[in-house]
PDB file of N, CA and C in Angstrom:
ATOM      1  N   MET A   1       8.739   4.289   5.623  1.00  0.00           N
ATOM      2  CA  MET A   1       8.671   5.698   5.889  1.00  0.00           C
ATOM      3  C   MET A   1      10.055   6.335   5.929  1.00  0.00           C
ATOM      4  N   ILE A   2      10.998   5.610   6.464  1.00  0.00           N
ATOM      5  CA  ILE A   2      12.354   6.146   6.509  1.00  0.00           C
ATOM      6  C   ILE A   2      12.897   6.282   5.096  1.00  0.00           C
ATOM      7  N   VAL A   3      12.488   5.403   4.199  1.00  0.00           N
ATOM      8  CA  VAL A   3      12.949   5.472   2.807  1.00  0.00           C
ATOM      9  C   VAL A   3      12.326   6.671   2.098  1.00  0.00           C
ATOM     10  N   GLY A   4      11.153   7.081   2.529  1.00  0.00           N
ATOM     11  CA  GLY A   4      10.476   8.206   1.890  1.00  0.00           C
ATOM     12  C   GLY A   4      11.195   9.523   2.066  1.00  0.00           C
ATOM     13  N   ILE A   5      11.932   9.674   3.151  1.00  0.00           N
ATOM     14  CA  ILE A   5      12.627  10.937   3.397  1.00  0.00           C
ATOM     15  C   ILE A   5      13.700  11.197   2.336  1.00  0.00           C
ATOM     16  N   PRO A   6      14.616  10.240   2.073  1.00  0.00           N
ATOM     17  CA  PRO A   6      15.587  10.524   1.009  1.00  0.00           C
ATOM     18  C   PRO A   6      14.955  10.617  -0.382  1.00  0.00           C
ATOM     19  N   ILE A   7      13.881   9.860  -0.615  1.00  0.00           N
ATOM     20  CA  ILE A   7      13.226   9.914  -1.932  1.00  0.00           C
ATOM     21  C   ILE A   7      12.645  11.303  -2.173  1.00  0.00           C
ATOM     22  N   SER A   8      12.252  11.986  -1.107  1.00  0.00           N
ATOM     23  CA  SER A   8      11.703  13.334  -1.302  1.00  0.00           C
ATOM     24  C   SER A   8      12.769  14.311  -1.794  1.00  0.00           C
ATOM     25  N   PHE A   9      14.045  14.010  -1.560  1.00  0.00           N
ATOM     26  CA  PHE A   9      15.123  14.900  -2.000  1.00  0.00           C
ATOM     27  C   PHE A   9      15.839  14.396  -3.252  1.00  0.00           C
ATOM     28  N   VAL A  10      15.845  13.077  -3.489  1.00  0.00           N
ATOM     29  CA  VAL A  10      16.565  12.499  -4.621  1.00  0.00           C
ATOM     30  C   VAL A  10      15.574  11.796  -5.537  1.00  0.00           C
ATOM     31  N   SER A  11      15.687  12.040  -6.809  1.00  0.00           N
ATOM     32  CA  SER A  11      14.826  11.392  -7.794  1.00  0.00           C
ATOM     33  C   SER A  11      15.275   9.932  -7.963  1.00  0.00           C
ATOM     34  N   PRO A  12      14.402   8.956  -7.685  1.00  0.00           N
ATOM     35  CA  PRO A  12      14.825   7.563  -7.798  1.00  0.00           C
ATOM     36  C   PRO A  12      15.083   7.109  -9.234  1.00  0.00           C
ATOM     37  N   THR A  13      14.456   7.734 -10.206  1.00  0.00           N
ATOM     38  CA  THR A  13      14.659   7.319 -11.592  1.00  0.00           C
ATOM     39  C   THR A  13      15.949   7.884 -12.174  1.00  0.00           C
ATOM     40  N   GLU A  14      16.284   9.117 -11.809  1.00  0.00           N
ATOM     41  CA  GLU A  14      17.470   9.762 -12.370  1.00  0.00           C
ATOM     42  C   GLU A  14      18.671   9.700 -11.430  1.00  0.00           C
ATOM     43  N   GLY A  15      18.431   9.623 -10.137  1.00  0.00           N
ATOM     44  CA  GLY A  15      19.515   9.596  -9.167  1.00  0.00           C
ATOM     45  C   GLY A  15      20.085  10.962  -8.853  1.00  0.00           C
ATOM     46  N   SER A  16      19.440  11.995  -9.335  1.00  0.00           N
ATOM     47  CA  SER A  16      19.933  13.351  -9.080  1.00  0.00           C
ATOM     48  C   SER A  16      19.101  14.014  -7.980  1.00  0.00           C
ATOM     49  N   ILE A  17      19.679  15.030  -7.388  1.00  0.00           N
ATOM     50  CA  ILE A  17      18.980  15.767  -6.333  1.00  0.00           C
ATOM     51  C   ILE A  17      17.915  16.642  -6.987  1.00  0.00           C
ATOM     52  N   ARG A  18      16.730  16.618  -6.399  1.00  0.00           N
ATOM     53  CA  ARG A  18      15.622  17.415  -6.943  1.00  0.00           C
ATOM     54  C   ARG A  18      15.859  18.902  -6.670  1.00  0.00           C
ATOM     55  N   GLU A  19      15.412  19.721  -7.608  1.00  0.00           N
ATOM     56  CA  GLU A  19      15.502  21.170  -7.400  1.00  0.00           C
ATOM     57  C   GLU A  19      14.548  21.589  -6.288  1.00  0.00           C
ATOM     58  N   GLN A  20      13.333  21.082  -6.340  1.00  0.00           N
ATOM     59  CA  GLN A  20      12.341  21.318  -5.296  1.00  0.00           C
ATOM     60  C   GLN A  20      11.994  19.970  -4.661  1.00  0.00           C
ATOM     61  N   PRO A  21      12.319  19.763  -3.390  1.00  0.00           N
ATOM     62  CA  PRO A  21      11.994  18.474  -2.770  1.00  0.00           C
ATOM     63  C   PRO A  21      10.483  18.292  -2.637  1.00  0.00           C
ATOM     64  N   LEU A  22      10.061  17.041  -2.564  1.00  0.00           N
ATOM     65  CA  LEU A  22       8.643  16.735  -2.389  1.00  0.00           C
ATOM     66  C   LEU A  22       8.292  16.900  -0.911  1.00  0.00           C
ATOM     67  N   ILE A  23       7.855  18.084  -0.559  1.00  0.00           N
ATOM     68  CA  ILE A  23       7.592  18.439   0.833  1.00  0.00           C
ATOM     69  C   ILE A  23       6.502  17.552   1.458  1.00  0.00           C
ATOM     70  N   PRO A  24       5.377  17.266   0.777  1.00  0.00           N
ATOM     71  CA  PRO A  24       4.367  16.401   1.406  1.00  0.00           C
ATOM     72  C   PRO A  24       4.906  15.000   1.742  1.00  0.00           C
ATOM     73  N   LEU A  25       5.754  14.467   0.876  1.00  0.00           N
ATOM     74  CA  LEU A  25       6.333  13.149   1.136  1.00  0.00           C
ATOM     75  C   LEU A  25       7.278  13.210   2.340  1.00  0.00           C
ATOM     76  N   PHE A  26       8.062  14.272   2.427  1.00  0.00           N
ATOM     77  CA  PHE A  26       8.999  14.438   3.534  1.00  0.00           C
ATOM     78  C   PHE A  26       8.258  14.546   4.867  1.00  0.00           C
ATOM     79  N   TYR A  27       7.314  15.470   4.950  1.00  0.00           N
ATOM     80  CA  TYR A  27       6.593  15.655   6.211  1.00  0.00           C
ATOM     81  C   TYR A  27       5.654  14.482   6.511  1.00  0.00           C
ATOM     82  N   GLY A  28       5.121  13.861   5.488  1.00  0.00           N
ATOM     83  CA  GLY A  28       4.284  12.679   5.703  1.00  0.00           C
ATOM     84  C   GLY A  28       5.081  11.532   6.303  1.00  0.00           C
ATOM     85  N   SER A  29       6.307  11.362   5.843  1.00  0.00           N
ATOM     86  CA  SER A  29       7.174  10.316   6.398  1.00  0.00           C
ATOM     87  C   SER A  29       7.519  10.603   7.850  1.00  0.00           C
ATOM     88  N   ILE A  30       7.839  11.851   8.139  1.00  0.00           N
ATOM     89  CA  ILE A  30       8.159  12.214   9.519  1.00  0.00           C
ATOM     90  C   ILE A  30       6.942  12.038  10.421  1.00  0.00           C
ATOM     91  N   ALA A  31       5.772  12.437   9.941  1.00  0.00           N
ATOM     92  CA  ALA A  31       4.548  12.278  10.729  1.00  0.00           C
ATOM     93  C   ALA A  31       4.265  10.794  10.983  1.00  0.00           C
ATOM     94  N   GLY A  32       4.465   9.957  10.000  1.00  0.00           N
ATOM     95  CA  GLY A  32       4.250   8.521  10.180  1.00  0.00           C
ATOM     96  C   GLY A  32       5.187   7.930  11.210  1.00  0.00           C
ATOM     97  N   ILE A  33       6.444   8.344  11.197  1.00  0.00           N
ATOM     98  CA  ILE A  33       7.408   7.852  12.177  1.00  0.00           C
ATOM     99  C   ILE A  33       6.995   8.282  13.584  1.00  0.00           C
ATOM    100  N   ILE A  34       6.558   9.530  13.727  1.00  0.00           N
ATOM    101  CA  ILE A  34       6.132  10.032  15.043  1.00  0.00           C
ATOM    102  C   ILE A  34       4.903   9.285  15.529  1.00  0.00           C
ATOM    103  N   ILE A  35       3.947   9.040  14.645  1.00  0.00           N
ATOM    104  CA  ILE A  35       2.732   8.314  15.033  1.00  0.00           C
ATOM    105  C   ILE A  35       3.075   6.903  15.492  1.00  0.00           C
ATOM    106  N   ILE A  36       3.933   6.217  14.767  1.00  0.00           N
ATOM    107  CA  ILE A  36       4.335   4.861  15.159  1.00  0.00           C
ATOM    108  C   ILE A  36       5.051   4.886  16.498  1.00  0.00           C
ATOM    109  N   PHE A  37       5.910   5.875  16.713  1.00  0.00           N
ATOM    110  CA  PHE A  37       6.645   5.999  17.969  1.00  0.00           C
ATOM    111  C   PHE A  37       5.684   6.168  19.147  1.00  0.00           C
ATOM    112  N   PHE A  38       4.729   7.087  19.022  1.00  0.00           N
ATOM    113  CA  PHE A  38       3.786   7.319  20.116  1.00  0.00           C
ATOM    114  C   PHE A  38       2.841   6.145  20.316  1.00  0.00           C
ATOM    115  N   TYR A  39       2.407   5.502  19.241  1.00  0.00           N
ATOM    116  CA  TYR A  39       1.498   4.374  19.364  1.00  0.00           C
ATOM    117  C   TYR A  39       2.178   3.192  20.046  1.00  0.00           C
ATOM    118  N   SER A  40       3.446   2.949  19.734  1.00  0.00           N
ATOM    119  CA  SER A  40       4.140   1.839  20.390  1.00  0.00           C
ATOM    120  C   SER A  40       4.328   2.132  21.874  1.00  0.00           C
ATOM    121  N   GLY A  41       4.592   3.384  22.227  1.00  0.00           N
ATOM    122  CA  GLY A  41       4.683   3.755  23.643  1.00  0.00           C
ATOM    123  C   GLY A  41       3.352   3.584  24.349  1.00  0.00           C
ATOM    124  N   TYR A  42       2.267   3.925  23.674  1.00  0.00           N
ATOM    125  CA  TYR A  42       0.927   3.774  24.230  1.00  0.00           C
ATOM    126  C   TYR A  42       0.606   2.306  24.475  1.00  0.00           C
ATOM    127  N   LYS A  43       0.927   1.453  23.510  1.00  0.00           N
ATOM    128  CA  LYS A  43       0.674   0.023  23.661  1.00  0.00           C
ATOM    129  C   LYS A  43       1.488  -0.558  24.815  1.00  0.00           C
ATOM    130  N   GLU A  44       2.724  -0.118  24.956  1.00  0.00           N
ATOM    131  CA  GLU A  44       3.589  -0.611  26.035  1.00  0.00           C
ATOM    132  C   GLU A  44       3.024  -0.203  27.396  1.00  0.00           C
ATOM    133  N   ARG A  45       2.551   1.020  27.521  1.00  0.00           N
ATOM    134  CA  ARG A  45       1.949   1.457  28.793  1.00  0.00           C
ATOM    135  C   ARG A  45       0.718   0.640  29.122  1.00  0.00           C
ATOM    136  N   LYS A  46      -0.116   0.380  28.129  1.00  0.00           N
ATOM    137  CA  LYS A  46      -1.325  -0.422  28.353  1.00  0.00           C
ATOM    138  C   LYS A  46      -0.959  -1.843  28.785  1.00  0.00           C
ATOM    139  N   ARG A  47       0.064  -2.410  28.170  1.00  0.00           N
ATOM    140  CA  ARG A  47       0.492  -3.763  28.536  1.00  0.00           C
ATOM    141  C   ARG A  47       0.999  -3.797  29.970  1.00  0.00           C
ATOM    142  N   LYS A  48       1.776  -2.803  30.369  1.00  0.00           N
ATOM    143  CA  LYS A  48       2.291  -2.755  31.737  1.00  0.00           C
ATOM    144  C   LYS A  48       1.171  -2.550  32.742  1.00  0.00           C
ATOM    145  N   GLN A  49       0.185  -1.735  32.405  1.00  0.00           N
ATOM    146  CA  GLN A  49      -0.961  -1.541  33.297  1.00  0.00           C
ATOM    147  C   GLN A  49      -1.698  -2.855  33.506  1.00  0.00           C
ATOM    148  N   GLU A  50      -1.881  -3.605  32.434  1.00  0.00           N
ATOM    149  CA  GLU A  50      -2.572  -4.890  32.526  1.00  0.00           C
ATOM    150  C   GLU A  50      -1.778  -5.866  33.396  1.00  0.00           C
ATOM    151  N   GLU A  51      -0.464  -5.882  33.239  1.00  0.00           N
ATOM    152  CA  GLU A  51       0.378  -6.755  34.068  1.00  0.00           C
ATOM    153  C   GLU A  51       0.279  -6.369  35.533  1.00  0.00           C
ATOM    154  N   ARG A  52       0.285  -5.070  35.817  1.00  0.00           N
ATOM    155  CA  ARG A  52       0.156  -4.617  37.206  1.00  0.00           C
ATOM    156  C   ARG A  52      -1.189  -5.018  37.783  1.00  0.00           C
ATOM    157  N   ARG A  53      -2.255  -4.895  36.985  1.00  0.00           N
ATOM    158  CA  ARG A  53      -3.576  -5.296  37.455  1.00  0.00           C
ATOM    159  C   ARG A  53      -3.621  -6.778  37.794  1.00  0.00           C
ATOM    160  N   LYS A  54      -3.011  -7.605  36.963  1.00  0.00           N
ATOM    161  CA  LYS A  54      -2.999  -9.048  37.197  1.00  0.00           C
ATOM    162  C   LYS A  54      -2.194  -9.374  38.466  1.00  0.00           C
ATOM    163  N   ARG A  55      -1.059  -8.702  38.683  1.00  0.00           N
ATOM    164  CA  ARG A  55      -0.258  -8.950  39.881  1.00  0.00           C
ATOM    165  C   ARG A  55      -1.004  -8.548  41.124  1.00  0.00           C
ATOM    166  N   ARG A  56      -1.705  -7.439  41.086  1.00  0.00           N
ATOM    167  CA  ARG A  56      -2.447  -6.967  42.261  1.00  0.00           C
ATOM    168  C   ARG A  56      -3.625  -7.873  42.577  1.00  0.00           C
ATOM    169  N   SER A  57      -4.269  -8.407  41.558  1.00  0.00           N
ATOM    170  CA  SER A  57      -5.447  -9.240  41.793  1.00  0.00           C
ATOM    171  C   SER A  57      -5.068 -10.627  42.337  1.00  0.00           C
ATOM    172  N   LYS A  58      -3.824 -11.066  42.139  1.00  0.00           N
ATOM    173  CA  LYS A  58      -3.383 -12.368  42.629  1.00  0.00           C
ATOM    174  C   LYS A  58      -3.175 -12.361  44.143  1.00  0.00           C
ATOM    175  N   LYS A  59      -2.881 -11.205  44.705  1.00  0.00           N
ATOM    176  CA  LYS A  59      -2.580 -11.132  46.147  1.00  0.00           C
ATOM    177  C   LYS A  59      -3.798 -11.247  47.003  1.00  0.00           C
TER     178      LYS A  59
END
């Protein structure tokens, strides 16, 4: 996804800057990065909740 951002501005076949950048590719890459960021935070919170539950149940 990070590679998609520069590709939206630079043509990979010619190596020149595009006159009109590929806007869907640019915003799609940014949206994918944001989704991965939030999902990893969500998974981490769930893991910590499970650890807390296990610690509380041992007492």
